[in-house]
Amino acid sequence: MEPEGPNPGTCCRCDLPVMHRALIAIIETGSGPGGSAYACLPCARDYAKTSLAPEWIGETIAHAEAMRVAWDEQEERGGEGAGPGRPLRL
């Protein structure tokens, strides 16, 4: 599997900067642009246990975890290394 790369940003639940996030919600609005909410993998797993979680969240988390593993394996083989100021690898 060829890694897509990290999805860096801030977790919408714990507010920590992370390298890999999973989509946990699509925010729909009546008019105007909608949005999306991304969480780190530990927070996404916790959110998936709630009644608010969408049906597709398990697939999204599995995909994000697979991409994290593939990305980490690529880094171990000589890709980019961790450096100062890089987000947490959750």
PDB file of N, CA and C in Angstrom:
ATOM      1  N   MET A   1       0.851  -1.168   0.000  1.00  0.00           N
ATOM      2  CA  MET A   1       0.000   0.000   0.000  1.00  0.00           C
ATOM      3  C   MET A   1       0.901   1.235   0.000  1.00  0.00           C
ATOM      4  N   GLU A   2       0.689   2.115  -0.895  1.00  0.00           N
ATOM      5  CA  GLU A   2       1.455   3.350  -0.990  1.00  0.00           C
ATOM      6  C   GLU A   2       0.811   4.388  -0.068  1.00  0.00           C
ATOM      7  N   PRO A   3       1.555   4.911   0.924  1.00  0.00           N
ATOM      8  CA  PRO A   3       0.960   5.854   1.859  1.00  0.00           C
ATOM      9  C   PRO A   3       0.599   7.172   1.191  1.00  0.00           C
ATOM     10  N   GLU A   4      -0.542   7.704   1.576  1.00  0.00           N
ATOM     11  CA  GLU A   4      -0.983   8.992   1.057  1.00  0.00           C
ATOM     12  C   GLU A   4      -0.248  10.134   1.735  1.00  0.00           C
ATOM     13  N   GLY A   5       0.350   9.860   2.852  1.00  0.00           N
ATOM     14  CA  GLY A   5       1.005  10.902   3.624  1.00  0.00           C
ATOM     15  C   GLY A   5       0.166  11.258   4.827  1.00  0.00           C
ATOM     16  N   PRO A   6       0.755  11.991   5.723  1.00  0.00           N
ATOM     17  CA  PRO A   6       0.030  12.343   6.933  1.00  0.00           C
ATOM     18  C   PRO A   6      -1.077  13.350   6.643  1.00  0.00           C
ATOM     19  N   ASN A   7      -1.966  13.467   7.573  1.00  0.00           N
ATOM     20  CA  ASN A   7      -3.041  14.449   7.515  1.00  0.00           C
ATOM     21  C   ASN A   7      -2.835  15.352   8.726  1.00  0.00           C
ATOM     22  N   PRO A   8      -1.800  16.208   8.702  1.00  0.00           N
ATOM     23  CA  PRO A   8      -1.467  16.988   9.887  1.00  0.00           C
ATOM     24  C   PRO A   8      -2.516  18.050  10.180  1.00  0.00           C
ATOM     25  N   GLY A   9      -2.609  18.376  11.424  1.00  0.00           N
ATOM     26  CA  GLY A   9      -3.527  19.415  11.854  1.00  0.00           C
ATOM     27  C   GLY A   9      -3.791  19.282  13.338  1.00  0.00           C
ATOM     28  N   THR A  10      -4.861  19.891  13.782  1.00  0.00           N
ATOM     29  CA  THR A  10      -5.220  19.880  15.188  1.00  0.00           C
ATOM     30  C   THR A  10      -6.444  19.000  15.394  1.00  0.00           C
ATOM     31  N   CYS A  11      -6.413  18.206  16.437  1.00  0.00           N
ATOM     32  CA  CYS A  11      -7.557  17.366  16.791  1.00  0.00           C
ATOM     33  C   CYS A  11      -8.685  18.265  17.284  1.00  0.00           C
ATOM     34  N   CYS A  12      -9.893  18.037  16.792  1.00  0.00           N
ATOM     35  CA  CYS A  12     -11.039  18.865  17.186  1.00  0.00           C
ATOM     36  C   CYS A  12     -11.528  18.537  18.591  1.00  0.00           C
ATOM     37  N   ARG A  13     -11.049  17.460  19.180  1.00  0.00           N
ATOM     38  CA  ARG A  13     -11.507  17.079  20.519  1.00  0.00           C
ATOM     39  C   ARG A  13     -10.485  17.410  21.598  1.00  0.00           C
ATOM     40  N   CYS A  14      -9.210  17.116  21.388  1.00  0.00           N
ATOM     41  CA  CYS A  14      -8.198  17.374  22.429  1.00  0.00           C
ATOM     42  C   CYS A  14      -7.332  18.593  22.119  1.00  0.00           C
ATOM     43  N   ASP A  15      -7.479  19.170  20.941  1.00  0.00           N
ATOM     44  CA  ASP A  15      -6.747  20.373  20.509  1.00  0.00           C
ATOM     45  C   ASP A  15      -5.233  20.195  20.434  1.00  0.00           C
ATOM     46  N   LEU A  16      -4.754  18.961  20.312  1.00  0.00           N
ATOM     47  CA  LEU A  16      -3.320  18.727  20.152  1.00  0.00           C
ATOM     48  C   LEU A  16      -2.966  18.686  18.666  1.00  0.00           C
ATOM     49  N   PRO A  17      -1.783  19.195  18.314  1.00  0.00           N
ATOM     50  CA  PRO A  17      -1.332  19.060  16.923  1.00  0.00           C
ATOM     51  C   PRO A  17      -0.897  17.615  16.683  1.00  0.00           C
ATOM     52  N   VAL A  18      -1.387  17.023  15.605  1.00  0.00           N
ATOM     53  CA  VAL A  18      -1.072  15.624  15.304  1.00  0.00           C
ATOM     54  C   VAL A  18      -0.742  15.463  13.822  1.00  0.00           C
ATOM     55  N   MET A  19      -0.019  14.396  13.501  1.00  0.00           N
ATOM     56  CA  MET A  19       0.333  14.104  12.109  1.00  0.00           C
ATOM     57  C   MET A  19      -0.789  13.384  11.376  1.00  0.00           C
ATOM     58  N   HIS A  20      -1.491  12.495  12.060  1.00  0.00           N
ATOM     59  CA  HIS A  20      -2.513  11.669  11.419  1.00  0.00           C
ATOM     60  C   HIS A  20      -3.847  11.873  12.123  1.00  0.00           C
ATOM     61  N   ARG A  21      -4.858  12.251  11.342  1.00  0.00           N
ATOM     62  CA  ARG A  21      -6.199  12.473  11.881  1.00  0.00           C
ATOM     63  C   ARG A  21      -7.203  11.668  11.073  1.00  0.00           C
ATOM     64  N   ALA A  22      -8.360  11.465  11.680  1.00  0.00           N
ATOM     65  CA  ALA A  22      -9.455  10.771  10.996  1.00  0.00           C
ATOM     66  C   ALA A  22     -10.666  11.694  10.957  1.00  0.00           C
ATOM     67  N   LEU A  23     -11.388  11.652   9.862  1.00  0.00           N
ATOM     68  CA  LEU A  23     -12.629  12.406   9.732  1.00  0.00           C
ATOM     69  C   LEU A  23     -13.673  11.772  10.646  1.00  0.00           C
ATOM     70  N   ILE A  24     -14.261  12.574  11.546  1.00  0.00           N
ATOM     71  CA  ILE A  24     -15.262  12.011  12.457  1.00  0.00           C
ATOM     72  C   ILE A  24     -16.651  12.599  12.239  1.00  0.00           C
ATOM     73  N   ALA A  25     -16.747  13.726  11.532  1.00  0.00           N
ATOM     74  CA  ALA A  25     -18.068  14.320  11.300  1.00  0.00           C
ATOM     75  C   ALA A  25     -18.029  15.214  10.076  1.00  0.00           C
ATOM     76  N   ILE A  26     -19.134  15.220   9.362  1.00  0.00           N
ATOM     77  CA  ILE A  26     -19.327  16.156   8.258  1.00  0.00           C
ATOM     78  C   ILE A  26     -20.406  17.122   8.723  1.00  0.00           C
ATOM     79  N   ILE A  27     -20.068  18.391   8.748  1.00  0.00           N
ATOM     80  CA  ILE A  27     -20.975  19.407   9.260  1.00  0.00           C
ATOM     81  C   ILE A  27     -21.760  19.979   8.095  1.00  0.00           C
ATOM     82  N   GLU A  28     -23.049  19.736   8.117  1.00  0.00           N
ATOM     83  CA  GLU A  28     -23.919  20.214   7.046  1.00  0.00           C
ATOM     84  C   GLU A  28     -24.661  21.454   7.530  1.00  0.00           C
ATOM     85  N   THR A  29     -24.811  22.426   6.639  1.00  0.00           N
ATOM     86  CA  THR A  29     -25.532  23.646   6.974  1.00  0.00           C
ATOM     87  C   THR A  29     -26.644  23.854   5.961  1.00  0.00           C
ATOM     88  N   GLY A  30     -27.642  24.616   6.361  1.00  0.00           N
ATOM     89  CA  GLY A  30     -28.753  24.883   5.460  1.00  0.00           C
ATOM     90  C   GLY A  30     -28.322  25.717   4.269  1.00  0.00           C
ATOM     91  N   SER A  31     -27.510  26.709   4.520  1.00  0.00           N
ATOM     92  CA  SER A  31     -26.972  27.529   3.435  1.00  0.00           C
ATOM     93  C   SER A  31     -25.531  27.868   3.782  1.00  0.00           C
ATOM     94  N   GLY A  32     -24.749  28.111   2.794  1.00  0.00           N
ATOM     95  CA  GLY A  32     -23.339  28.400   3.029  1.00  0.00           C
ATOM     96  C   GLY A  32     -22.524  27.128   3.077  1.00  0.00           C
ATOM     97  N   PRO A  33     -21.231  27.300   3.223  1.00  0.00           N
ATOM     98  CA  PRO A  33     -20.350  26.130   3.200  1.00  0.00           C
ATOM     99  C   PRO A  33     -20.482  25.291   4.470  1.00  0.00           C
ATOM    100  N   GLY A  34     -20.384  24.014   4.294  1.00  0.00           N
ATOM    101  CA  GLY A  34     -20.376  23.102   5.429  1.00  0.00           C
ATOM    102  C   GLY A  34     -18.957  22.972   5.945  1.00  0.00           C
ATOM    103  N   GLY A  35     -18.678  21.917   6.611  1.00  0.00           N
ATOM    104  CA  GLY A  35     -17.336  21.724   7.139  1.00  0.00           C
ATOM    105  C   GLY A  35     -17.114  20.270   7.497  1.00  0.00           C
ATOM    106  N   SER A  36     -15.986  20.016   8.091  1.00  0.00           N
ATOM    107  CA  SER A  36     -15.660  18.671   8.527  1.00  0.00           C
ATOM    108  C   SER A  36     -14.881  18.763   9.825  1.00  0.00           C
ATOM    109  N   ALA A  37     -14.982  17.724  10.634  1.00  0.00           N
ATOM    110  CA  ALA A  37     -14.280  17.663  11.909  1.00  0.00           C
ATOM    111  C   ALA A  37     -13.331  16.474  11.875  1.00  0.00           C
ATOM    112  N   TYR A  38     -12.081  16.733  12.229  1.00  0.00           N
ATOM    113  CA  TYR A  38     -11.052  15.701  12.252  1.00  0.00           C
ATOM    114  C   TYR A  38     -10.550  15.527  13.681  1.00  0.00           C
ATOM    115  N   ALA A  39     -10.274  14.286  14.066  1.00  0.00           N
ATOM    116  CA  ALA A  39      -9.761  13.989  15.398  1.00  0.00           C
ATOM    117  C   ALA A  39      -8.535  13.091  15.286  1.00  0.00           C
ATOM    118  N   CYS A  40      -7.671  13.170  16.306  1.00  0.00           N
ATOM    119  CA  CYS A  40      -6.537  12.245  16.360  1.00  0.00           C
ATOM    120  C   CYS A  40      -7.104  10.833  16.512  1.00  0.00           C
ATOM    121  N   LEU A  41      -6.305   9.839  16.239  1.00  0.00           N
ATOM    122  CA  LEU A  41      -6.807   8.464  16.251  1.00  0.00           C
ATOM    123  C   LEU A  41      -7.331   8.024  17.622  1.00  0.00           C
ATOM    124  N   PRO A  42      -6.661   8.346  18.747  1.00  0.00           N
ATOM    125  CA  PRO A  42      -7.240   7.961  20.044  1.00  0.00           C
ATOM    126  C   PRO A  42      -8.599   8.624  20.302  1.00  0.00           C
ATOM    127  N   CYS A  43      -8.721   9.913  19.986  1.00  0.00           N
ATOM    128  CA  CYS A  43     -10.003  10.605  20.182  1.00  0.00           C
ATOM    129  C   CYS A  43     -11.062  10.079  19.220  1.00  0.00           C
ATOM    130  N   ALA A  44     -10.669   9.751  17.994  1.00  0.00           N
ATOM    131  CA  ALA A  44     -11.618   9.210  17.018  1.00  0.00           C
ATOM    132  C   ALA A  44     -12.160   7.864  17.496  1.00  0.00           C
ATOM    133  N   ARG A  45     -11.286   7.031  18.077  1.00  0.00           N
ATOM    134  CA  ARG A  45     -11.737   5.735  18.599  1.00  0.00           C
ATOM    135  C   ARG A  45     -12.735   5.934  19.745  1.00  0.00           C
ATOM    136  N   ASP A  46     -12.451   6.905  20.625  1.00  0.00           N
ATOM    137  CA  ASP A  46     -13.382   7.198  21.722  1.00  0.00           C
ATOM    138  C   ASP A  46     -14.709   7.720  21.188  1.00  0.00           C
ATOM    139  N   TYR A  47     -14.651   8.613  20.204  1.00  0.00           N
ATOM    140  CA  TYR A  47     -15.865   9.187  19.629  1.00  0.00           C
ATOM    141  C   TYR A  47     -16.707   8.115  18.936  1.00  0.00           C
ATOM    142  N   ALA A  48     -16.046   7.140  18.347  1.00  0.00           N
ATOM    143  CA  ALA A  48     -16.758   6.067  17.638  1.00  0.00           C
ATOM    144  C   ALA A  48     -17.648   5.258  18.576  1.00  0.00           C
ATOM    145  N   LYS A  49     -17.360   5.283  19.871  1.00  0.00           N
ATOM    146  CA  LYS A  49     -18.146   4.532  20.855  1.00  0.00           C
ATOM    147  C   LYS A  49     -19.416   5.268  21.272  1.00  0.00           C
ATOM    148  N   THR A  50     -19.566   6.528  20.856  1.00  0.00           N
ATOM    149  CA  THR A  50     -20.731   7.310  21.264  1.00  0.00           C
ATOM    150  C   THR A  50     -21.891   7.120  20.289  1.00  0.00           C
ATOM    151  N   SER A  51     -23.061   7.525  20.734  1.00  0.00           N
ATOM    152  CA  SER A  51     -24.244   7.421  19.871  1.00  0.00           C
ATOM    153  C   SER A  51     -24.247   8.484  18.775  1.00  0.00           C
ATOM    154  N   LEU A  52     -23.389   9.490  18.880  1.00  0.00           N
ATOM    155  CA  LEU A  52     -23.321  10.556  17.880  1.00  0.00           C
ATOM    156  C   LEU A  52     -22.475  10.186  16.665  1.00  0.00           C
ATOM    157  N   ALA A  53     -21.707   9.126  16.783  1.00  0.00           N
ATOM    158  CA  ALA A  53     -20.789   8.743  15.709  1.00  0.00           C
ATOM    159  C   ALA A  53     -21.555   8.262  14.476  1.00  0.00           C
ATOM    160  N   PRO A  54     -21.119   8.692  13.289  1.00  0.00           N
ATOM    161  CA  PRO A  54     -21.762   8.220  12.060  1.00  0.00           C
ATOM    162  C   PRO A  54     -21.437   6.744  11.806  1.00  0.00           C
ATOM    163  N   GLU A  55     -22.245   6.109  10.986  1.00  0.00           N
ATOM    164  CA  GLU A  55     -22.064   4.686  10.685  1.00  0.00           C
ATOM    165  C   GLU A  55     -20.720   4.399  10.022  1.00  0.00           C
ATOM    166  N   TRP A  56     -20.206   5.334   9.250  1.00  0.00           N
ATOM    167  CA  TRP A  56     -18.994   5.111   8.468  1.00  0.00           C
ATOM    168  C   TRP A  56     -17.704   5.378   9.239  1.00  0.00           C
ATOM    169  N   ILE A  57     -17.781   5.751  10.501  1.00  0.00           N
ATOM    170  CA  ILE A  57     -16.576   6.169  11.224  1.00  0.00           C
ATOM    171  C   ILE A  57     -15.559   5.031  11.377  1.00  0.00           C
ATOM    172  N   GLY A  58     -16.024   3.794  11.512  1.00  0.00           N
ATOM    173  CA  GLY A  58     -15.098   2.669  11.648  1.00  0.00           C
ATOM    174  C   GLY A  58     -14.197   2.518  10.433  1.00  0.00           C
ATOM    175  N   GLU A  59     -14.771   2.688   9.247  1.00  0.00           N
ATOM    176  CA  GLU A  59     -13.984   2.606   8.014  1.00  0.00           C
ATOM    177  C   GLU A  59     -12.975   3.749   7.932  1.00  0.00           C
ATOM    178  N   THR A  60     -13.389   4.931   8.351  1.00  0.00           N
ATOM    179  CA  THR A  60     -12.502   6.095   8.311  1.00  0.00           C
ATOM    180  C   THR A  60     -11.321   5.911   9.254  1.00  0.00           C
ATOM    181  N   ILE A  61     -11.594   5.412  10.455  1.00  0.00           N
ATOM    182  CA  ILE A  61     -10.524   5.182  11.428  1.00  0.00           C
ATOM    183  C   ILE A  61      -9.576   4.100  10.924  1.00  0.00           C
ATOM    184  N   ALA A  62     -10.115   3.021  10.384  1.00  0.00           N
ATOM    185  CA  ALA A  62      -9.272   1.940   9.859  1.00  0.00           C
ATOM    186  C   ALA A  62      -8.370   2.450   8.741  1.00  0.00           C
ATOM    187  N   HIS A  63      -8.913   3.284   7.863  1.00  0.00           N
ATOM    188  CA  HIS A  63      -8.116   3.843   6.771  1.00  0.00           C
ATOM    189  C   HIS A  63      -7.012   4.751   7.317  1.00  0.00           C
ATOM    190  N   ALA A  64      -7.343   5.611   8.270  1.00  0.00           N
ATOM    191  CA  ALA A  64      -6.340   6.513   8.848  1.00  0.00           C
ATOM    192  C   ALA A  64      -5.243   5.726   9.557  1.00  0.00           C
ATOM    193  N   GLU A  65      -5.614   4.662  10.267  1.00  0.00           N
ATOM    194  CA  GLU A  65      -4.615   3.831  10.942  1.00  0.00           C
ATOM    195  C   GLU A  65      -3.716   3.121   9.935  1.00  0.00           C
ATOM    196  N   ALA A  66      -4.293   2.622   8.851  1.00  0.00           N
ATOM    197  CA  ALA A  66      -3.493   1.955   7.821  1.00  0.00           C
ATOM    198  C   ALA A  66      -2.513   2.935   7.178  1.00  0.00           C
ATOM    199  N   MET A  67      -2.959   4.144   6.932  1.00  0.00           N
ATOM    200  CA  MET A  67      -2.079   5.155   6.344  1.00  0.00           C
ATOM    201  C   MET A  67      -0.971   5.544   7.316  1.00  0.00           C
ATOM    202  N   ARG A  68      -1.285   5.617   8.618  1.00  0.00           N
ATOM    203  CA  ARG A  68      -0.263   5.932   9.619  1.00  0.00           C
ATOM    204  C   ARG A  68       0.803   4.848   9.646  1.00  0.00           C
ATOM    205  N   VAL A  69       0.384   3.590   9.648  1.00  0.00           N
ATOM    206  CA  VAL A  69       1.334   2.471   9.670  1.00  0.00           C
ATOM    207  C   VAL A  69       2.198   2.483   8.410  1.00  0.00           C
ATOM    208  N   ALA A  70       1.581   2.666   7.249  1.00  0.00           N
ATOM    209  CA  ALA A  70       2.336   2.688   5.993  1.00  0.00           C
ATOM    210  C   ALA A  70       3.314   3.856   5.972  1.00  0.00           C
ATOM    211  N   TRP A  71       2.886   5.002   6.454  1.00  0.00           N
ATOM    212  CA  TRP A  71       3.755   6.185   6.480  1.00  0.00           C
ATOM    213  C   TRP A  71       4.929   5.958   7.426  1.00  0.00           C
ATOM    214  N   ASP A  72       4.661   5.381   8.607  1.00  0.00           N
ATOM    215  CA  ASP A  72       5.726   5.104   9.568  1.00  0.00           C
ATOM    216  C   ASP A  72       6.730   4.104   9.003  1.00  0.00           C
ATOM    217  N   GLU A  73       6.246   3.078   8.304  1.00  0.00           N
ATOM    218  CA  GLU A  73       7.153   2.098   7.697  1.00  0.00           C
ATOM    219  C   GLU A  73       8.021   2.748   6.630  1.00  0.00           C
ATOM    220  N   GLN A  74       7.441   3.657   5.862  1.00  0.00           N
ATOM    221  CA  GLN A  74       8.208   4.347   4.833  1.00  0.00           C
ATOM    222  C   GLN A  74       9.295   5.214   5.470  1.00  0.00           C
ATOM    223  N   GLU A  75       8.976   5.887   6.568  1.00  0.00           N
ATOM    224  CA  GLU A  75       9.965   6.710   7.260  1.00  0.00           C
ATOM    225  C   GLU A  75      11.100   5.858   7.800  1.00  0.00           C
ATOM    226  N   GLU A  76      10.775   4.660   8.311  1.00  0.00           N
ATOM    227  CA  GLU A  76      11.803   3.761   8.835  1.00  0.00           C
ATOM    228  C   GLU A  76      12.758   3.309   7.734  1.00  0.00           C
ATOM    229  N   ARG A  77      12.265   3.233   6.500  1.00  0.00           N
ATOM    230  CA  ARG A  77      13.105   2.811   5.379  1.00  0.00           C
ATOM    231  C   ARG A  77      13.926   3.961   4.806  1.00  0.00           C
ATOM    232  N   GLY A  78      13.828   5.128   5.396  1.00  0.00           N
ATOM    233  CA  GLY A  78      14.667   6.220   4.919  1.00  0.00           C
ATOM    234  C   GLY A  78      13.929   7.454   4.473  1.00  0.00           C
ATOM    235  N   GLY A  79      12.666   7.554   4.800  1.00  0.00           N
ATOM    236  CA  GLY A  79      11.905   8.753   4.456  1.00  0.00           C
ATOM    237  C   GLY A  79      12.228   9.870   5.421  1.00  0.00           C
ATOM    238  N   GLU A  80      11.342  10.848   5.486  1.00  0.00           N
ATOM    239  CA  GLU A  80      11.543  11.980   6.376  1.00  0.00           C
ATOM    240  C   GLU A  80      11.596  11.500   7.815  1.00  0.00           C
ATOM    241  N   GLY A  81      12.504  12.065   8.579  1.00  0.00           N
ATOM    242  CA  GLY A  81      12.591  11.745   9.988  1.00  0.00           C
ATOM    243  C   GLY A  81      11.870  12.783  10.816  1.00  0.00           C
ATOM    244  N   ALA A  82      11.646  12.441  12.059  1.00  0.00           N
ATOM    245  CA  ALA A  82      10.996  13.390  12.957  1.00  0.00           C
ATOM    246  C   ALA A  82      11.962  14.522  13.267  1.00  0.00           C
ATOM    247  N   GLY A  83      11.451  15.693  13.351  1.00  0.00           N
ATOM    248  CA  GLY A  83      12.277  16.849  13.655  1.00  0.00           C
ATOM    249  C   GLY A  83      11.606  17.723  14.683  1.00  0.00           C
ATOM    250  N   PRO A  84      12.322  18.725  15.178  1.00  0.00           N
ATOM    251  CA  PRO A  84      11.726  19.614  16.164  1.00  0.00           C
ATOM    252  C   PRO A  84      10.550  20.372  15.566  1.00  0.00           C
ATOM    253  N   GLY A  85       9.526  20.541  16.354  1.00  0.00           N
ATOM    254  CA  GLY A  85       8.364  21.287  15.899  1.00  0.00           C
ATOM    255  C   GLY A  85       7.375  20.479  15.087  1.00  0.00           C
ATOM    256  N   ARG A  86       7.645  19.189  14.863  1.00  0.00           N
ATOM    257  CA  ARG A  86       6.695  18.357  14.114  1.00  0.00           C
ATOM    258  C   ARG A  86       5.585  17.913  15.050  1.00  0.00           C
ATOM    259  N   PRO A  87       4.378  17.771  14.555  1.00  0.00           N
ATOM    260  CA  PRO A  87       3.252  17.358  15.396  1.00  0.00           C
ATOM    261  C   PRO A  87       3.442  15.964  15.967  1.00  0.00           C
ATOM    262  N   LEU A  88       2.672  15.667  17.019  1.00  0.00           N
ATOM    263  CA  LEU A  88       2.695  14.349  17.635  1.00  0.00           C
ATOM    264  C   LEU A  88       2.263  13.292  16.641  1.00  0.00           C
ATOM    265  N   ARG A  89       2.748  12.076  16.811  1.00  0.00           N
ATOM    266  CA  ARG A  89       2.420  10.982  15.902  1.00  0.00           C
ATOM    267  C   ARG A  89       1.439  10.052  16.589  1.00  0.00           C
ATOM    268  N   LEU A  90       0.179  10.479  16.699  1.00  0.00           N
ATOM    269  CA  LEU A  90      -0.850   9.658  17.354  1.00  0.00           C
ATOM    270  C   LEU A  90      -1.645   8.900  16.341  1.00  0.00           C
TER     271      LEU A  90
END
